[in-house]
C-alpha atoms as a PDB file:
ATOM      1  CA  MET A   1     120.857 263.778 166.126  1.00  0.00           C
ATOM      2  CA  PRO A   2     119.579 265.945 168.552  1.00  0.00           C
ATOM      3  CA  VAL A   3     121.351 268.356 169.577  1.00  0.00           C
ATOM      4  CA  ILE A   4     121.865 269.737 173.933  1.00  0.00           C
ATOM      5  CA  GLN A   5     121.313 273.344 174.759  1.00  0.00           C
ATOM      6  CA  HIS A   6     124.755 273.692 176.767  1.00  0.00           C
ATOM      7  CA  ASP A   7     124.099 276.604 179.846  1.00  0.00           C
ATOM      8  CA  ILE A   8     127.148 279.400 179.050  1.00  0.00           C
ATOM      9  CA  THR A   9     128.195 278.646 182.208  1.00  0.00           C
ATOM     10  CA  GLN A  10     129.494 275.447 180.872  1.00  0.00           C
ATOM     11  CA  TRP A  11     131.531 277.056 179.063  1.00  0.00           C
ATOM     12  CA  ILE A  12     133.514 279.463 180.521  1.00  0.00           C
ATOM     13  CA  ALA A  13     134.428 277.216 183.081  1.00  0.00           C
ATOM     14  CA  PHE A  14     135.465 274.536 181.527  1.00  0.00           C
ATOM     15  CA  ASN A  15     137.721 277.206 179.829  1.00  0.00           C
ATOM     16  CA  ALA A  16     139.044 278.557 183.229  1.00  0.00           C
ATOM     17  CA  VAL A  17     139.530 274.951 184.942  1.00  0.00           C
ATOM     18  CA  ILE A  18     142.245 273.816 181.352  1.00  0.00           C
ATOM     19  CA  LEU A  19     143.832 277.199 181.020  1.00  0.00           C
ATOM     20  CA  PHE A  20     144.459 277.147 185.589  1.00  0.00           C
ATOM     21  CA  LEU A  21     146.149 274.022 184.916  1.00  0.00           C
ATOM     22  CA  LEU A  22     147.817 274.856 181.765  1.00  0.00           C
ATOM     23  CA  ILE A  23     149.082 277.581 184.251  1.00  0.00           C
ATOM     24  CA  LEU A  24     150.157 275.302 186.487  1.00  0.00           C
ATOM     25  CA  ASP A  25     151.873 273.277 184.557  1.00  0.00           C
ATOM     26  CA  LEU A  26     154.045 276.574 182.204  1.00  0.00           C
ATOM     27  CA  VAL A  27     154.738 278.458 185.378  1.00  0.00           C
ATOM     28  CA  VAL A  28     154.654 275.784 188.556  1.00  0.00           C
ATOM     29  CA  PHE A  29     155.562 272.327 187.339  1.00  0.00           C
ATOM     30  CA  ASN A  30     158.101 273.110 183.477  1.00  0.00           C
ATOM     31  CA  ARG A  31     159.022 276.671 185.148  1.00  0.00           C
ATOM     32  CA  LYS A  32     162.440 276.065 183.572  1.00  0.00           C
ATOM     33  CA  ALA A  33     163.012 274.427 180.692  1.00  0.00           C
ATOM     34  CA  HIS A  34     164.191 270.545 181.590  1.00  0.00           C
ATOM     35  CA  GLU A  35     164.532 267.069 179.938  1.00  0.00           C
ATOM     36  CA  ILE A  36     161.726 264.529 179.869  1.00  0.00           C
ATOM     37  CA  THR A  37     161.728 261.738 181.536  1.00  0.00           C
ATOM     38  CA  ILE A  38     159.597 258.639 180.531  1.00  0.00           C
ATOM     39  CA  LYS A  39     158.434 257.782 183.922  1.00  0.00           C
ATOM     40  CA  GLU A  40     157.801 262.441 184.198  1.00  0.00           C
ATOM     41  CA  ALA A  41     155.957 261.730 180.742  1.00  0.00           C
ATOM     42  CA  LEU A  42     153.843 259.385 182.477  1.00  0.00           C
ATOM     43  CA  GLY A  43     152.703 260.489 185.252  1.00  0.00           C
ATOM     44  CA  TRP A  44     151.159 263.627 183.464  1.00  0.00           C
ATOM     45  CA  SER A  45     150.138 260.880 180.743  1.00  0.00           C
ATOM     46  CA  ALA A  46     148.149 258.786 183.322  1.00  0.00           C
ATOM     47  CA  PHE A  47     146.435 262.033 184.853  1.00  0.00           C
ATOM     48  CA  TRP A  48     145.122 263.700 181.592  1.00  0.00           C
ATOM     49  CA  ILE A  49     144.330 260.202 180.379  1.00  0.00           C
ATOM     50  CA  SER A  50     142.473 259.969 183.964  1.00  0.00           C
ATOM     51  CA  LEU A  51     141.052 262.875 183.999  1.00  0.00           C
ATOM     52  CA  ALA A  52     139.150 263.014 180.842  1.00  0.00           C
ATOM     53  CA  LEU A  53     137.513 259.651 182.442  1.00  0.00           C
ATOM     54  CA  VAL A  54     136.221 262.197 185.115  1.00  0.00           C
ATOM     55  CA  PHE A  55     134.448 264.600 182.863  1.00  0.00           C
ATOM     56  CA  ASN A  56     133.723 261.421 180.537  1.00  0.00           C
ATOM     57  CA  VAL A  57     131.568 260.085 183.627  1.00  0.00           C
ATOM     58  CA  TRP A  58     129.760 263.458 184.241  1.00  0.00           C
ATOM     59  CA  VAL A  59     129.003 263.878 181.339  1.00  0.00           C
ATOM     60  CA  ALA A  60     126.868 260.689 181.716  1.00  0.00           C
ATOM     61  CA  PHE A  61     125.022 261.102 184.314  1.00  0.00           C
ATOM     62  CA  GLU A  62     124.800 265.011 183.649  1.00  0.00           C
ATOM     63  CA  TYR A  63     123.122 264.137 180.310  1.00  0.00           C
ATOM     64  CA  GLY A  64     123.052 260.026 179.928  1.00  0.00           C
ATOM     65  CA  LYS A  65     124.751 257.043 178.476  1.00  0.00           C
ATOM     66  CA  GLU A  66     123.875 257.620 174.785  1.00  0.00           C
ATOM     67  CA  ILE A  67     125.649 260.842 175.218  1.00  0.00           C
ATOM     68  CA  GLY A  68     128.804 259.963 177.676  1.00  0.00           C
ATOM     69  CA  LEU A  69     129.213 256.789 174.942  1.00  0.00           C
ATOM     70  CA  GLN A  70     129.105 259.065 172.494  1.00  0.00           C
ATOM     71  CA  TRP A  71     131.987 261.722 174.819  1.00  0.00           C
ATOM     72  CA  PHE A  72     134.328 259.111 174.649  1.00  0.00           C
ATOM     73  CA  THR A  73     134.075 257.529 170.831  1.00  0.00           C
ATOM     74  CA  GLY A  74     134.804 261.108 169.952  1.00  0.00           C
ATOM     75  CA  TYR A  75     137.640 261.419 172.442  1.00  0.00           C
ATOM     76  CA  LEU A  76     139.113 258.102 171.631  1.00  0.00           C
ATOM     77  CA  ILE A  77     138.911 258.786 167.642  1.00  0.00           C
ATOM     78  CA  GLU A  78     140.358 262.313 168.657  1.00  0.00           C
ATOM     79  CA  LYS A  79     143.476 260.391 171.095  1.00  0.00           C
ATOM     80  CA  SER A  80     144.445 257.912 168.076  1.00  0.00           C
ATOM     81  CA  LEU A  81     144.022 260.844 165.540  1.00  0.00           C
ATOM     82  CA  SER A  82     146.454 262.844 167.693  1.00  0.00           C
ATOM     83  CA  VAL A  83     148.797 259.668 167.994  1.00  0.00           C
ATOM     84  CA  ASP A  84     149.980 260.279 164.744  1.00  0.00           C
ATOM     85  CA  ASN A  85     150.232 264.019 165.132  1.00  0.00           C
ATOM     86  CA  LEU A  86     153.011 262.676 167.296  1.00  0.00           C
ATOM     87  CA  PHE A  87     155.398 260.804 164.188  1.00  0.00           C
ATOM     88  CA  VAL A  88     155.535 264.032 162.852  1.00  0.00           C
ATOM     89  CA  PHE A  89     156.145 266.218 165.529  1.00  0.00           C
ATOM     90  CA  LEU A  90     159.401 263.436 166.087  1.00  0.00           C
ATOM     91  CA  LEU A  91     159.945 264.646 162.797  1.00  0.00           C
ATOM     92  CA  LEU A  92     159.940 267.320 162.527  1.00  0.00           C
ATOM     93  CA  PHE A  93     162.328 267.424 165.924  1.00  0.00           C
ATOM     94  CA  THR A  94     164.634 265.657 164.036  1.00  0.00           C
ATOM     95  CA  TYR A  95     165.284 268.129 160.987  1.00  0.00           C
ATOM     96  CA  PHE A  96     165.691 271.133 163.281  1.00  0.00           C
ATOM     97  CA  LYS A  97     167.493 269.514 166.025  1.00  0.00           C
ATOM     98  CA  VAL A  98     165.698 270.745 168.436  1.00  0.00           C
ATOM     99  CA  PRO A  99     167.444 269.741 171.619  1.00  0.00           C
ATOM    100  CA  ALA A 100     165.348 267.826 174.033  1.00  0.00           C
ATOM    101  CA  LYS A 101     165.054 269.663 176.686  1.00  0.00           C
ATOM    102  CA  TYR A 102     163.292 272.894 174.892  1.00  0.00           C
ATOM    103  CA  GLN A 103     161.020 270.422 172.831  1.00  0.00           C
ATOM    104  CA  HIS A 104     158.391 271.041 175.587  1.00  0.00           C
ATOM    105  CA  LYS A 105     157.879 275.446 175.573  1.00  0.00           C
ATOM    106  CA  VAL A 106     157.356 274.273 171.776  1.00  0.00           C
ATOM    107  CA  LEU A 107     154.514 271.281 172.396  1.00  0.00           C
ATOM    108  CA  PHE A 108     153.301 273.428 175.385  1.00  0.00           C
ATOM    109  CA  TRP A 109     153.160 276.879 173.028  1.00  0.00           C
ATOM    110  CA  GLY A 110     152.018 274.569 170.232  1.00  0.00           C
ATOM    111  CA  ILE A 111     149.103 272.871 172.214  1.00  0.00           C
ATOM    112  CA  ILE A 112     147.555 276.310 173.610  1.00  0.00           C
ATOM    113  CA  GLY A 113     146.976 277.438 170.113  1.00  0.00           C
ATOM    114  CA  ALA A 114     146.154 274.261 168.976  1.00  0.00           C
ATOM    115  CA  LEU A 115     142.787 275.140 171.213  1.00  0.00           C
ATOM    116  CA  VAL A 116     142.068 278.215 169.973  1.00  0.00           C
ATOM    117  CA  MET A 117     142.122 277.007 166.767  1.00  0.00           C
ATOM    118  CA  ARG A 118     140.306 274.437 166.884  1.00  0.00           C
ATOM    119  CA  GLY A 119     137.202 275.802 168.900  1.00  0.00           C
ATOM    120  CA  ILE A 120     137.296 278.184 165.998  1.00  0.00           C
ATOM    121  CA  LEU A 121     137.095 275.017 162.938  1.00  0.00           C
ATOM    122  CA  ILE A 122     134.626 273.318 166.029  1.00  0.00           C
ATOM    123  CA  LEU A 123     132.477 277.049 166.118  1.00  0.00           C
ATOM    124  CA  LEU A 124     132.456 277.052 162.700  1.00  0.00           C
ATOM    125  CA  GLY A 125     131.484 273.719 161.310  1.00  0.00           C
ATOM    126  CA  ALA A 126     128.735 273.401 164.363  1.00  0.00           C
ATOM    127  CA  ALA A 127     127.413 276.600 162.754  1.00  0.00           C
ATOM    128  CA  LEU A 128     127.488 275.200 158.931  1.00  0.00           C
ATOM    129  CA  ILE A 129     126.232 271.999 159.532  1.00  0.00           C
ATOM    130  CA  ALA A 130     123.022 273.356 161.323  1.00  0.00           C
ATOM    131  CA  ARG A 131     122.763 275.944 158.393  1.00  0.00           C
ATOM    132  CA  PHE A 132     123.673 273.318 155.162  1.00  0.00           C
ATOM    133  CA  HIS A 133     122.748 269.902 156.575  1.00  0.00           C
ATOM    134  CA  TRP A 134     124.248 268.956 153.012  1.00  0.00           C
ATOM    135  CA  ILE A 135     128.207 269.433 154.245  1.00  0.00           C
ATOM    136  CA  LEU A 136     127.792 266.824 156.152  1.00  0.00           C
ATOM    137  CA  TYR A 137     128.262 264.541 152.889  1.00  0.00           C
ATOM    138  CA  LEU A 138     131.195 267.006 151.878  1.00  0.00           C
ATOM    139  CA  PHE A 139     132.789 266.289 155.109  1.00  0.00           C
ATOM    140  CA  GLY A 140     132.593 262.377 154.717  1.00  0.00           C
ATOM    141  CA  LEU A 141     133.828 262.185 150.846  1.00  0.00           C
ATOM    142  CA  PHE A 142     137.017 264.730 152.337  1.00  0.00           C
ATOM    143  CA  LEU A 143     136.893 261.743 155.489  1.00  0.00           C
ATOM    144  CA  VAL A 144     137.274 258.527 153.071  1.00  0.00           C
ATOM    145  CA  PHE A 145     139.806 260.230 150.380  1.00  0.00           C
ATOM    146  CA  THR A 146     141.945 261.533 153.274  1.00  0.00           C
ATOM    147  CA  GLY A 147     141.836 257.506 154.292  1.00  0.00           C
ATOM    148  CA  VAL A 148     142.389 256.139 151.124  1.00  0.00           C
ATOM    149  CA  LYS A 149     145.518 259.100 151.136  1.00  0.00           C
ATOM    150  CA  MET A 150     146.801 258.518 154.640  1.00  0.00           C
ATOM    151  CA  PHE A 151     146.567 254.499 154.237  1.00  0.00           C
ATOM    152  CA  PHE A 152     148.791 254.432 150.995  1.00  0.00           C
ATOM    153  CA  SER A 153     151.297 257.291 153.105  1.00  0.00           C
ATOM    154  CA  SER A 154     154.395 256.647 154.818  1.00  0.00           C
ATOM    155  CA  GLY A 155     153.667 259.942 156.813  1.00  0.00           C
ATOM    156  CA  GLU A 156     157.362 261.272 155.896  1.00  0.00           C
ATOM    157  CA  ASP A 157     156.324 262.873 152.562  1.00  0.00           C
ATOM    158  CA  ASP A 158     154.412 265.010 154.081  1.00  0.00           C
ATOM    159  CA  VAL A 159     156.412 266.759 156.034  1.00  0.00           C
ATOM    160  CA  HIS A 160     158.138 269.385 154.004  1.00  0.00           C
ATOM    161  CA  PRO A 161     158.868 272.438 156.247  1.00  0.00           C
ATOM    162  CA  GLU A 162     160.735 274.157 153.864  1.00  0.00           C
ATOM    163  CA  LYS A 163     158.519 274.702 152.287  1.00  0.00           C
ATOM    164  CA  ASN A 164     155.989 276.104 154.370  1.00  0.00           C
ATOM    165  CA  ILE A 165     154.284 278.615 153.765  1.00  0.00           C
ATOM    166  CA  VAL A 166     153.446 281.107 157.142  1.00  0.00           C
ATOM    167  CA  VAL A 167     157.285 280.777 157.581  1.00  0.00           C
ATOM    168  CA  ARG A 168     158.184 281.795 153.905  1.00  0.00           C
ATOM    169  CA  VAL A 169     155.314 284.653 154.496  1.00  0.00           C
ATOM    170  CA  PHE A 170     156.633 285.582 158.343  1.00  0.00           C
ATOM    171  CA  LYS A 171     160.644 285.524 156.581  1.00  0.00           C
ATOM    172  CA  LYS A 172     159.430 288.534 154.497  1.00  0.00           C
ATOM    173  CA  PHE A 173     157.611 290.846 157.405  1.00  0.00           C
ATOM    174  CA  PHE A 174     160.191 290.018 160.160  1.00  0.00           C
ATOM    175  CA  PRO A 175     164.311 289.176 161.130  1.00  0.00           C
ATOM    176  CA  VAL A 176     164.900 285.454 161.884  1.00  0.00           C
ATOM    177  CA  LYS A 177     168.687 284.014 163.655  1.00  0.00           C
ATOM    178  CA  ALA A 178     168.598 280.259 161.916  1.00  0.00           C
ATOM    179  CA  GLU A 179     169.879 279.294 165.475  1.00  0.00           C
ATOM    180  CA  TYR A 180     169.135 278.184 169.237  1.00  0.00           C
ATOM    181  CA  HIS A 181     169.659 280.880 171.597  1.00  0.00           C
ATOM    182  CA  TRP A 182     168.164 278.827 175.425  1.00  0.00           C
ATOM    183  CA  ASP A 183     164.490 278.555 175.113  1.00  0.00           C
ATOM    184  CA  LEU A 184     163.782 281.795 173.730  1.00  0.00           C
ATOM    185  CA  PHE A 185     160.835 282.479 170.228  1.00  0.00           C
ATOM    186  CA  PHE A 186     163.159 285.618 170.119  1.00  0.00           C
ATOM    187  CA  ILE A 187     166.045 288.408 171.036  1.00  0.00           C
ATOM    188  CA  ARG A 188     167.605 291.273 170.468  1.00  0.00           C
ATOM    189  CA  VAL A 189     171.003 292.574 169.156  1.00  0.00           C
ATOM    190  CA  ASP A 190     172.281 295.646 167.902  1.00  0.00           C
ATOM    191  CA  GLY A 191     168.894 297.183 169.186  1.00  0.00           C
ATOM    192  CA  LYS A 192     167.354 294.519 166.418  1.00  0.00           C
ATOM    193  CA  ARG A 193     164.507 291.906 167.396  1.00  0.00           C
ATOM    194  CA  TYR A 194     164.552 288.973 165.871  1.00  0.00           C
ATOM    195  CA  ALA A 195     162.397 285.856 165.799  1.00  0.00           C
ATOM    196  CA  THR A 196     164.858 282.827 166.870  1.00  0.00           C
ATOM    197  CA  LEU A 197     164.938 279.395 164.999  1.00  0.00           C
ATOM    198  CA  LEU A 198     163.063 278.380 167.751  1.00  0.00           C
ATOM    199  CA  PHE A 199     160.485 280.265 167.060  1.00  0.00           C
ATOM    200  CA  ILE A 200     160.115 278.571 163.058  1.00  0.00           C
ATOM    201  CA  VAL A 201     160.063 275.447 164.576  1.00  0.00           C
ATOM    202  CA  LEU A 202     156.492 276.388 166.842  1.00  0.00           C
ATOM    203  CA  ILE A 203     155.728 278.266 163.211  1.00  0.00           C
ATOM    204  CA  VAL A 204     155.901 274.712 161.686  1.00  0.00           C
ATOM    205  CA  VAL A 205     154.381 273.158 163.839  1.00  0.00           C
ATOM    206  CA  GLU A 206     151.248 274.677 164.527  1.00  0.00           C
ATOM    207  CA  THR A 207     150.297 274.786 160.933  1.00  0.00           C
ATOM    208  CA  THR A 208     150.988 271.104 160.913  1.00  0.00           C
ATOM    209  CA  ASP A 209     148.101 271.242 163.813  1.00  0.00           C
ATOM    210  CA  LEU A 210     146.098 272.995 161.484  1.00  0.00           C
ATOM    211  CA  VAL A 211     146.013 270.330 158.552  1.00  0.00           C
ATOM    212  CA  PHE A 212     145.446 267.661 161.484  1.00  0.00           C
ATOM    213  CA  ALA A 213     142.563 269.635 162.719  1.00  0.00           C
ATOM    214  CA  VAL A 214     140.736 269.887 159.529  1.00  0.00           C
ATOM    215  CA  ASP A 215     141.365 266.352 158.602  1.00  0.00           C
ATOM    216  CA  SER A 216     140.260 264.688 162.543  1.00  0.00           C
ATOM    217  CA  ILE A 217     137.195 267.193 162.986  1.00  0.00           C
ATOM    218  CA  PRO A 218     134.743 266.570 160.302  1.00  0.00           C
ATOM    219  CA  ALA A 219     135.362 262.613 162.019  1.00  0.00           C
ATOM    220  CA  ILE A 220     133.293 263.253 165.478  1.00  0.00           C
ATOM    221  CA  PHE A 221     130.710 265.550 163.575  1.00  0.00           C
ATOM    222  CA  ALA A 222     129.524 261.960 162.403  1.00  0.00           C
ATOM    223  CA  ILE A 223     129.537 260.466 165.963  1.00  0.00           C
ATOM    224  CA  THR A 224     128.398 264.064 167.648  1.00  0.00           C
ATOM    225  CA  ARG A 225     126.350 267.399 166.231  1.00  0.00           C
ATOM    226  CA  ASP A 226     127.158 268.682 169.401  1.00  0.00           C
ATOM    227  CA  PRO A 227     129.982 271.824 170.241  1.00  0.00           C
ATOM    228  CA  PHE A 228     130.222 271.658 173.819  1.00  0.00           C
ATOM    229  CA  ILE A 229     130.780 267.085 173.462  1.00  0.00           C
ATOM    230  CA  VAL A 230     133.313 267.696 170.364  1.00  0.00           C
ATOM    231  CA  TYR A 231     135.015 270.333 171.580  1.00  0.00           C
ATOM    232  CA  THR A 232     135.646 268.755 175.090  1.00  0.00           C
ATOM    233  CA  SER A 233     136.077 265.743 173.433  1.00  0.00           C
ATOM    234  CA  ASN A 234     138.759 267.476 171.544  1.00  0.00           C
ATOM    235  CA  VAL A 235     141.102 269.413 174.139  1.00  0.00           C
ATOM    236  CA  PHE A 236     140.989 266.840 176.249  1.00  0.00           C
ATOM    237  CA  ALA A 237     142.621 264.808 173.366  1.00  0.00           C
ATOM    238  CA  ILE A 238     144.835 267.161 172.344  1.00  0.00           C
ATOM    239  CA  LEU A 239     146.411 267.920 176.038  1.00  0.00           C
ATOM    240  CA  GLY A 240     147.443 264.783 177.220  1.00  0.00           C
ATOM    241  CA  LEU A 241     149.430 265.450 173.697  1.00  0.00           C
ATOM    242  CA  ARG A 242     152.518 266.808 175.023  1.00  0.00           C
ATOM    243  CA  SER A 243     153.523 264.212 177.446  1.00  0.00           C
ATOM    244  CA  LEU A 244     152.627 261.033 175.036  1.00  0.00           C
ATOM    245  CA  TYR A 245     154.556 262.802 172.784  1.00  0.00           C
ATOM    246  CA  PHE A 246     158.178 262.294 175.645  1.00  0.00           C
ATOM    247  CA  ALA A 247     156.465 258.508 176.427  1.00  0.00           C
ATOM    248  CA  LEU A 248     156.303 257.140 173.007  1.00  0.00           C
ATOM    249  CA  ALA A 249     158.902 259.549 171.200  1.00  0.00           C
ATOM    250  CA  GLY A 250     161.253 256.075 171.904  1.00  0.00           C
ATOM    251  CA  MET A 251     158.897 253.894 170.725  1.00  0.00           C
ATOM    252  CA  MET A 252     157.524 255.542 167.851  1.00  0.00           C
ATOM    253  CA  ASP A 253     158.411 252.405 165.204  1.00  0.00           C
ATOM    254  CA  MET A 254     156.773 250.208 166.651  1.00  0.00           C
ATOM    255  CA  PHE A 255     153.488 251.632 165.679  1.00  0.00           C
ATOM    256  CA  HIS A 256     153.892 250.483 162.301  1.00  0.00           C
ATOM    257  CA  TYR A 257     150.609 249.988 161.549  1.00  0.00           C
ATOM    258  CA  LEU A 258     148.794 252.142 163.595  1.00  0.00           C
ATOM    259  CA  ARG A 259     148.762 254.808 160.059  1.00  0.00           C
ATOM    260  CA  GLN A 260     146.432 252.003 158.329  1.00  0.00           C
ATOM    261  CA  GLY A 261     144.558 251.986 161.322  1.00  0.00           C
ATOM    262  CA  LEU A 262     143.980 255.253 161.373  1.00  0.00           C
ATOM    263  CA  ALA A 263     143.341 255.454 157.719  1.00  0.00           C
ATOM    264  CA  ILE A 264     140.566 252.096 157.898  1.00  0.00           C
ATOM    265  CA  VAL A 265     138.787 254.395 161.239  1.00  0.00           C
ATOM    266  CA  LEU A 266     138.524 257.359 158.583  1.00  0.00           C
ATOM    267  CA  THR A 267     137.471 256.056 156.146  1.00  0.00           C
ATOM    268  CA  PHE A 268     135.446 254.450 157.821  1.00  0.00           C
ATOM    269  CA  ILE A 269     133.631 257.514 159.781  1.00  0.00           C
ATOM    270  CA  GLY A 270     132.854 259.335 156.388  1.00  0.00           C
ATOM    271  CA  VAL A 271     131.266 256.304 154.872  1.00  0.00           C
ATOM    272  CA  LYS A 272     128.904 256.280 158.287  1.00  0.00           C
ATOM    273  CA  MET A 273     128.746 260.144 157.619  1.00  0.00           C
ATOM    274  CA  LEU A 274     126.740 258.712 154.096  1.00  0.00           C
ATOM    275  CA  PHE A 275     124.956 256.744 154.718  1.00  0.00           C
ATOM    276  CA  MET A 276     123.745 258.236 157.673  1.00  0.00           C
ATOM    277  CA  ASP A 277     120.888 259.122 156.769  1.00  0.00           C
ATOM    278  CA  ILE A 278     119.330 255.688 154.863  1.00  0.00           C
ATOM    279  CA  PHE A 279     121.469 253.341 157.315  1.00  0.00           C
ATOM    280  CA  PRO A 280     122.687 254.985 160.516  1.00  0.00           C
ATOM    281  CA  ILE A 281     125.048 253.104 162.885  1.00  0.00           C
ATOM    282  CA  PRO A 282     124.801 252.307 166.744  1.00  0.00           C
ATOM    283  CA  ILE A 283     126.707 254.718 168.617  1.00  0.00           C
ATOM    284  CA  TRP A 284     127.713 251.256 170.442  1.00  0.00           C
ATOM    285  CA  LEU A 285     128.586 249.391 167.453  1.00  0.00           C
ATOM    286  CA  ALA A 286     131.069 252.040 166.007  1.00  0.00           C
ATOM    287  CA  LEU A 287     132.979 252.934 169.177  1.00  0.00           C
ATOM    288  CA  SER A 288     133.614 248.273 168.440  1.00  0.00           C
ATOM    289  CA  ILE A 289     134.682 248.825 165.143  1.00  0.00           C
ATOM    290  CA  VAL A 290     137.283 251.981 165.544  1.00  0.00           C
ATOM    291  CA  GLY A 291     137.905 249.640 168.693  1.00  0.00           C
ATOM    292  CA  THR A 292     138.871 246.744 167.414  1.00  0.00           C
ATOM    293  CA  VAL A 293     140.910 248.386 164.526  1.00  0.00           C
ATOM    294  CA  LEU A 294     142.745 249.920 166.809  1.00  0.00           C
ATOM    295  CA  ALA A 295     143.306 246.736 168.747  1.00  0.00           C
ATOM    296  CA  VAL A 296     144.382 245.196 165.542  1.00  0.00           C
ATOM    297  CA  SER A 297     146.135 247.222 164.246  1.00  0.00           C
ATOM    298  CA  ILE A 298     148.130 247.939 167.775  1.00  0.00           C
ATOM    299  CA  ALA A 299     148.787 244.718 167.972  1.00  0.00           C
ATOM    300  CA  ALA A 300     150.298 243.734 164.392  1.00  0.00           C
ATOM    301  CA  SER A 301     152.608 246.664 165.212  1.00  0.00           C
ATOM    302  CA  ILE A 302     153.544 244.750 168.629  1.00  0.00           C
ATOM    303  CA  VAL A 303     154.529 242.077 167.106  1.00  0.00           C
ATOM    304  CA  ARG A 304     156.041 243.462 164.111  1.00  0.00           C
ATOM    305  CA  ALA A 305     157.647 245.409 166.249  1.00  0.00           C
ATOM    306  CA  PRO A 306     160.227 247.764 162.745  1.00  0.00           C
ATOM    307  CA  ARG A 307     163.071 250.421 163.079  1.00  0.00           C
ATOM    308  CA  LEU A 308     162.779 252.419 161.035  1.00  0.00           C
ATOM    309  CA  GLY A 309     165.725 254.784 162.511  1.00  0.00           C
ATOM    310  CA  HIS A 310     165.030 258.258 161.528  1.00  0.00           C
ATOM    311  CA  GLN A 311     168.326 259.944 161.195  1.00  0.00           C
ATOM    312  CA  PRO A 312     168.680 262.818 161.601  1.00  0.00           C
ATOM    313  CA  PRO A 313     169.244 265.121 158.036  1.00  0.00           C
ATOM    314  CA  ALA A 314     173.684 266.234 158.653  1.00  0.00           C
ATOM    315  CA  ASP A 315     173.365 269.930 158.731  1.00  0.00           C
ATOM    316  CA  PRO A 316     171.326 271.565 160.376  1.00  0.00           C
ATOM    317  CA  PRO A 317     168.202 273.112 158.327  1.00  0.00           C
ATOM    318  CA  ASP A 318     168.457 276.969 157.947  1.00  0.00           C
ATOM    319  CA  PRO A 319     165.554 279.220 157.104  1.00  0.00           C
ATOM    320  CA  GLU A 320     166.848 281.758 155.733  1.00  0.00           C
END
């Protein structure tokens, strides 16, 4: 699986464009805190998906159909795994009773942090793979273990904000006001600076995404080991996550079997990685299997259309 040497200007240009779009989003389109409507969320979702597909076409034109197919497969896997994040975000926002008009800001800065963390993990993973080929087998075993665990997990068992070690350490060094103050992360009271509950939510979202990244990034290395392809497909999968959350927040219970479908995908990717030197699976076949599993799990979920009815806690959580 050859790795293409990308010019540094491509990395700079890509990140510059993404940074410009994010600043435009925050400063122009969402300068004031407001509740995101489904229509607005669907519009932004369509924008990010269209932009991703345009970039995919450029990759295929620039590097060939095989690389283009790898990019799309990686994007599909990361996008699908990102949907699982949405269930956790919904549970977190419900747990902390985050007002709807403030959720956008938390997700925006959460995504900024996710891009930085994933970029570091991808570069680290690529360096390790280049130096130690056998680490791919560890990734494969980890994905199989994660897939089996996910298949039998409800997802709610993974959410324990009150046990978040990062939050506990943060509170030892910085005072916290266990309440919301508009959309502010920090406030000053009597000359003393406090973190608000909204910032605590941001910390939990960031650390939760880091856990998801550890699960998802090894999966795409089974498709391609090209850091640029891995990074750009990850970025586009994450960028549309915020708008996708607001578009699907009211329909989460319809995707009852999606978690099982994702578990099967992770297990398949892990097995693919374990047998890559004995029985390499063509990229078109891997894409077909992933697409079929996801389609069947979504179709089965829509047919069942369960109503799980997650209820908010009786009392607001107190991080102190």
